[in-house]
Amino acid sequence: MHWYLVGLAALVVTAQAGFGIAAITTGWIPPWFRRRVLRPKQWGWGALTGAVGMSLFMFLGPFHGPDADLTPYAMGGLALYLASLVLLTMGQRPGRDVNPLN
């Protein structure tokens, strides 16, 4: 079962990196994100950074085994992934103002 999870995780991270590279180079966004993304290149950098960060976390952390020497790198990957969420959010359209008085 472990190898199924590793294969699925590798497939998902590779797809995310592919979407990020496509957004950076051509401005193409997957159809389910097109309504929300205003800045495709910035969204692409966020997706690519997230793929790298999650790869570092998964393959040096939980999927690698109990090796304490690699823990700082795995946690750095998790921090990189969380930083990518900021880039992804900044690449999307701003939300509507819910205050009707403005």
N, C-alpha and C. Protein backbone atom coordinates (compact mmCIF):
# COMPACT_ATOMS: atom_id res chain seq x y z
N MET A 1 0.82 -1.20 0.00
CA MET A 1 0.00 0.00 0.00
C MET A 1 0.86 1.26 0.00
N HIS A 2 2.04 1.17 0.63
CA HIS A 2 2.93 2.32 0.70
C HIS A 2 3.33 2.81 -0.69
N TRP A 3 3.63 1.89 -1.60
CA TRP A 3 4.07 2.30 -2.93
C TRP A 3 2.94 2.91 -3.73
N TYR A 4 1.70 2.52 -3.46
CA TYR A 4 0.56 3.17 -4.12
C TYR A 4 0.46 4.63 -3.70
N LEU A 5 0.67 4.88 -2.42
CA LEU A 5 0.62 6.26 -1.94
C LEU A 5 1.76 7.10 -2.50
N VAL A 6 2.93 6.52 -2.57
CA VAL A 6 4.08 7.23 -3.13
C VAL A 6 3.84 7.55 -4.60
N GLY A 7 3.34 6.57 -5.35
CA GLY A 7 3.05 6.79 -6.77
C GLY A 7 1.97 7.84 -6.98
N LEU A 8 0.91 7.79 -6.18
CA LEU A 8 -0.15 8.79 -6.29
C LEU A 8 0.36 10.18 -5.94
N ALA A 9 1.16 10.28 -4.88
CA ALA A 9 1.72 11.57 -4.49
C ALA A 9 2.65 12.12 -5.58
N ALA A 10 3.46 11.27 -6.17
CA ALA A 10 4.36 11.71 -7.24
C ALA A 10 3.56 12.18 -8.45
N LEU A 11 2.48 11.50 -8.76
CA LEU A 11 1.63 11.89 -9.89
C LEU A 11 0.97 13.25 -9.64
N VAL A 12 0.46 13.47 -8.44
CA VAL A 12 -0.21 14.73 -8.12
C VAL A 12 0.78 15.89 -8.12
N VAL A 13 1.95 15.69 -7.54
CA VAL A 13 2.95 16.76 -7.49
C VAL A 13 3.48 17.07 -8.89
N THR A 14 3.64 16.06 -9.72
CA THR A 14 4.09 16.28 -11.10
C THR A 14 3.05 17.04 -11.89
N ALA A 15 1.78 16.72 -11.71
CA ALA A 15 0.71 17.46 -12.39
C ALA A 15 0.67 18.91 -11.94
N GLN A 16 0.84 19.14 -10.65
CA GLN A 16 0.85 20.51 -10.15
C GLN A 16 2.02 21.29 -10.72
N ALA A 17 3.19 20.67 -10.79
CA ALA A 17 4.35 21.34 -11.38
C ALA A 17 4.12 21.61 -12.86
N GLY A 18 3.49 20.68 -13.56
CA GLY A 18 3.18 20.89 -14.97
C GLY A 18 2.22 22.05 -15.18
N PHE A 19 1.20 22.14 -14.33
CA PHE A 19 0.27 23.28 -14.42
C PHE A 19 1.00 24.59 -14.15
N GLY A 20 1.91 24.58 -13.19
CA GLY A 20 2.67 25.79 -12.89
C GLY A 20 3.57 26.20 -14.04
N ILE A 21 4.25 25.25 -14.65
CA ILE A 21 5.13 25.57 -15.78
C ILE A 21 4.33 26.06 -16.97
N ALA A 22 3.17 25.45 -17.21
CA ALA A 22 2.31 25.90 -18.31
C ALA A 22 1.81 27.32 -18.07
N ALA A 23 1.48 27.64 -16.83
CA ALA A 23 1.00 28.99 -16.53
C ALA A 23 2.12 30.02 -16.65
N ILE A 24 3.33 29.65 -16.27
CA ILE A 24 4.45 30.59 -16.36
C ILE A 24 4.82 30.85 -17.81
N THR A 25 4.92 29.81 -18.61
CA THR A 25 5.42 29.97 -19.98
C THR A 25 4.37 30.47 -20.96
N THR A 26 3.14 29.96 -20.85
CA THR A 26 2.12 30.32 -21.85
C THR A 26 0.94 31.09 -21.30
N GLY A 27 0.80 31.13 -19.98
CA GLY A 27 -0.36 31.78 -19.39
C GLY A 27 -1.59 30.89 -19.34
N TRP A 28 -1.42 29.60 -19.67
CA TRP A 28 -2.54 28.67 -19.65
C TRP A 28 -2.85 28.26 -18.22
N ILE A 29 -4.13 28.31 -17.88
CA ILE A 29 -4.61 27.93 -16.55
C ILE A 29 -5.59 26.78 -16.73
N PRO A 30 -5.59 25.79 -15.84
CA PRO A 30 -6.59 24.73 -15.94
C PRO A 30 -8.01 25.31 -15.92
N PRO A 31 -8.93 24.70 -16.66
CA PRO A 31 -10.27 25.28 -16.79
C PRO A 31 -11.00 25.52 -15.47
N TRP A 32 -10.75 24.72 -14.45
CA TRP A 32 -11.47 24.89 -13.20
C TRP A 32 -10.93 26.03 -12.35
N PHE A 33 -9.84 26.68 -12.78
CA PHE A 33 -9.30 27.84 -12.08
C PHE A 33 -9.44 29.14 -12.88
N ARG A 34 -9.89 29.07 -14.11
CA ARG A 34 -9.84 30.24 -15.00
C ARG A 34 -10.67 31.41 -14.51
N ARG A 35 -11.79 31.16 -13.88
CA ARG A 35 -12.63 32.27 -13.43
C ARG A 35 -11.98 33.07 -12.31
N ARG A 36 -11.18 32.41 -11.50
CA ARG A 36 -10.63 33.06 -10.31
C ARG A 36 -9.25 33.67 -10.51
N VAL A 37 -8.48 33.20 -11.47
CA VAL A 37 -7.08 33.63 -11.59
C VAL A 37 -7.00 34.88 -12.44
N LEU A 38 -6.41 35.92 -11.87
CA LEU A 38 -6.22 37.18 -12.57
C LEU A 38 -4.80 37.29 -13.13
N ARG A 39 -3.82 36.78 -12.42
CA ARG A 39 -2.43 36.85 -12.84
C ARG A 39 -1.89 35.43 -13.03
N PRO A 40 -1.93 34.92 -14.26
CA PRO A 40 -1.53 33.53 -14.48
C PRO A 40 -0.07 33.23 -14.17
N LYS A 41 0.83 34.14 -14.46
CA LYS A 41 2.25 33.87 -14.21
C LYS A 41 2.53 33.78 -12.71
N GLN A 42 1.94 34.66 -11.95
CA GLN A 42 2.14 34.61 -10.50
C GLN A 42 1.51 33.34 -9.92
N TRP A 43 0.34 32.97 -10.42
CA TRP A 43 -0.30 31.73 -9.99
C TRP A 43 0.58 30.54 -10.36
N GLY A 44 1.20 30.59 -11.54
CA GLY A 44 2.08 29.51 -11.97
C GLY A 44 3.31 29.37 -11.07
N TRP A 45 3.89 30.50 -10.69
CA TRP A 45 5.04 30.43 -9.77
C TRP A 45 4.61 29.86 -8.43
N GLY A 46 3.41 30.20 -7.98
CA GLY A 46 2.91 29.63 -6.73
C GLY A 46 2.69 28.14 -6.84
N ALA A 47 2.14 27.68 -7.96
CA ALA A 47 1.91 26.25 -8.15
C ALA A 47 3.24 25.49 -8.24
N LEU A 48 4.20 26.04 -8.95
CA LEU A 48 5.50 25.39 -9.07
C LEU A 48 6.23 25.35 -7.73
N THR A 49 6.19 26.45 -6.99
CA THR A 49 6.81 26.49 -5.67
C THR A 49 6.13 25.51 -4.72
N GLY A 50 4.81 25.41 -4.81
CA GLY A 50 4.09 24.46 -3.98
C GLY A 50 4.45 23.02 -4.30
N ALA A 51 4.63 22.72 -5.58
CA ALA A 51 5.01 21.36 -5.97
C ALA A 51 6.39 21.00 -5.45
N VAL A 52 7.32 21.93 -5.54
CA VAL A 52 8.67 21.67 -5.03
C VAL A 52 8.65 21.52 -3.51
N GLY A 53 7.93 22.41 -2.83
CA GLY A 53 7.86 22.34 -1.37
C GLY A 53 7.20 21.06 -0.88
N MET A 54 6.10 20.67 -1.51
CA MET A 54 5.41 19.45 -1.08
C MET A 54 6.24 18.22 -1.42
N SER A 55 6.98 18.25 -2.52
CA SER A 55 7.87 17.13 -2.84
C SER A 55 8.96 16.98 -1.78
N LEU A 56 9.57 18.09 -1.40
CA LEU A 56 10.60 18.03 -0.36
C LEU A 56 10.01 17.49 0.93
N PHE A 57 8.83 17.97 1.30
CA PHE A 57 8.24 17.51 2.54
C PHE A 57 7.90 16.02 2.50
N MET A 58 7.22 15.60 1.44
CA MET A 58 6.76 14.21 1.40
C MET A 58 7.91 13.22 1.25
N PHE A 59 8.82 13.50 0.34
CA PHE A 59 9.82 12.50 0.01
C PHE A 59 11.05 12.54 0.92
N LEU A 60 11.20 13.58 1.73
CA LEU A 60 12.25 13.60 2.74
C LEU A 60 11.68 13.42 4.14
N GLY A 61 10.37 13.45 4.27
CA GLY A 61 9.72 13.32 5.57
C GLY A 61 8.96 12.02 5.70
N PRO A 62 7.64 12.06 5.60
CA PRO A 62 6.83 10.87 5.88
C PRO A 62 7.10 9.68 4.97
N PHE A 63 7.36 9.90 3.68
CA PHE A 63 7.57 8.78 2.77
C PHE A 63 8.99 8.23 2.85
N HIS A 64 9.91 8.98 3.43
CA HIS A 64 11.29 8.52 3.49
C HIS A 64 11.53 7.59 4.66
N GLY A 65 10.93 7.88 5.78
CA GLY A 65 11.11 7.04 6.96
C GLY A 65 11.60 7.86 8.13
N PRO A 66 11.83 7.21 9.25
CA PRO A 66 12.23 7.94 10.46
C PRO A 66 13.73 8.28 10.46
N ASP A 67 14.12 9.23 9.65
CA ASP A 67 15.51 9.67 9.58
C ASP A 67 15.57 11.10 10.10
N ALA A 68 16.09 11.28 11.29
CA ALA A 68 16.09 12.59 11.93
C ALA A 68 17.03 13.58 11.24
N ASP A 69 17.98 13.10 10.47
CA ASP A 69 18.91 14.01 9.79
C ASP A 69 18.23 14.82 8.71
N LEU A 70 17.18 14.29 8.10
CA LEU A 70 16.49 14.98 7.00
C LEU A 70 15.29 15.79 7.46
N THR A 71 15.00 15.80 8.74
CA THR A 71 13.83 16.53 9.24
C THR A 71 13.88 18.03 8.94
N PRO A 72 15.01 18.71 9.10
CA PRO A 72 15.02 20.14 8.77
C PRO A 72 14.69 20.42 7.29
N TYR A 73 15.13 19.55 6.40
CA TYR A 73 14.82 19.74 4.99
C TYR A 73 13.34 19.50 4.71
N ALA A 74 12.78 18.51 5.38
CA ALA A 74 11.36 18.23 5.21
C ALA A 74 10.53 19.39 5.74
N MET A 75 10.90 19.94 6.88
CA MET A 75 10.16 21.08 7.43
C MET A 75 10.36 22.33 6.58
N GLY A 76 11.53 22.47 5.98
CA GLY A 76 11.75 23.57 5.04
C GLY A 76 10.86 23.44 3.82
N GLY A 77 10.66 22.22 3.36
CA GLY A 77 9.73 21.99 2.25
C GLY A 77 8.31 22.34 2.62
N LEU A 78 7.91 22.03 3.85
CA LEU A 78 6.57 22.39 4.31
C LEU A 78 6.42 23.90 4.39
N ALA A 79 7.46 24.60 4.87
CA ALA A 79 7.42 26.06 4.91
C ALA A 79 7.36 26.65 3.50
N LEU A 80 8.07 26.05 2.57
CA LEU A 80 8.02 26.51 1.17
C LEU A 80 6.63 26.31 0.59
N TYR A 81 6.00 25.20 0.92
CA TYR A 81 4.64 24.95 0.46
C TYR A 81 3.67 25.98 1.03
N LEU A 82 3.80 26.29 2.30
CA LEU A 82 2.91 27.29 2.90
C LEU A 82 3.16 28.68 2.31
N ALA A 83 4.41 28.99 1.96
CA ALA A 83 4.69 30.27 1.30
C ALA A 83 4.09 30.30 -0.10
N SER A 84 4.01 29.16 -0.74
CA SER A 84 3.42 29.12 -2.08
C SER A 84 1.93 29.42 -2.05
N LEU A 85 1.28 29.12 -0.93
CA LEU A 85 -0.14 29.44 -0.82
C LEU A 85 -0.38 30.95 -0.88
N VAL A 86 0.58 31.72 -0.38
CA VAL A 86 0.49 33.18 -0.48
C VAL A 86 0.56 33.60 -1.94
N LEU A 87 1.49 33.03 -2.71
CA LEU A 87 1.60 33.36 -4.13
C LEU A 87 0.34 32.95 -4.90
N LEU A 88 -0.20 31.78 -4.58
CA LEU A 88 -1.42 31.34 -5.26
C LEU A 88 -2.59 32.27 -4.95
N THR A 89 -2.70 32.70 -3.72
CA THR A 89 -3.78 33.60 -3.33
C THR A 89 -3.63 34.96 -3.98
N MET A 90 -2.40 35.46 -4.06
CA MET A 90 -2.19 36.77 -4.67
C MET A 90 -2.43 36.73 -6.18
N GLY A 91 -2.32 35.57 -6.80
CA GLY A 91 -2.56 35.45 -8.23
C GLY A 91 -4.04 35.37 -8.58
N GLN A 92 -4.90 35.19 -7.58
CA GLN A 92 -6.33 35.09 -7.85
C GLN A 92 -6.99 36.45 -7.75
N ARG A 93 -8.18 36.51 -8.28
CA ARG A 93 -8.94 37.76 -8.23
C ARG A 93 -9.26 38.14 -6.79
N PRO A 94 -9.28 39.43 -6.51
CA PRO A 94 -9.68 39.83 -5.17
C PRO A 94 -11.17 39.55 -4.96
N GLY A 95 -11.54 39.27 -3.74
CA GLY A 95 -12.94 38.97 -3.44
C GLY A 95 -13.80 40.23 -3.47
N ARG A 96 -15.07 40.01 -3.54
CA ARG A 96 -16.00 41.14 -3.52
C ARG A 96 -16.13 41.68 -2.10
N ASP A 97 -16.40 42.97 -2.02
CA ASP A 97 -16.59 43.60 -0.72
C ASP A 97 -17.97 43.23 -0.21
N VAL A 98 -18.03 42.69 0.98
CA VAL A 98 -19.32 42.28 1.53
C VAL A 98 -20.02 43.42 2.26
N ASN A 99 -19.34 44.54 2.44
CA ASN A 99 -19.95 45.67 3.12
C ASN A 99 -20.74 46.49 2.10
N PRO A 100 -22.07 46.52 2.17
CA PRO A 100 -22.85 47.26 1.16
C PRO A 100 -22.79 48.77 1.32
N LEU A 101 -22.20 49.27 2.41
CA LEU A 101 -22.15 50.71 2.64
C LEU A 101 -21.01 51.39 1.91
N ASN A 102 -20.06 50.65 1.41
CA ASN A 102 -18.93 51.25 0.68
C ASN A 102 -19.25 51.50 -0.76
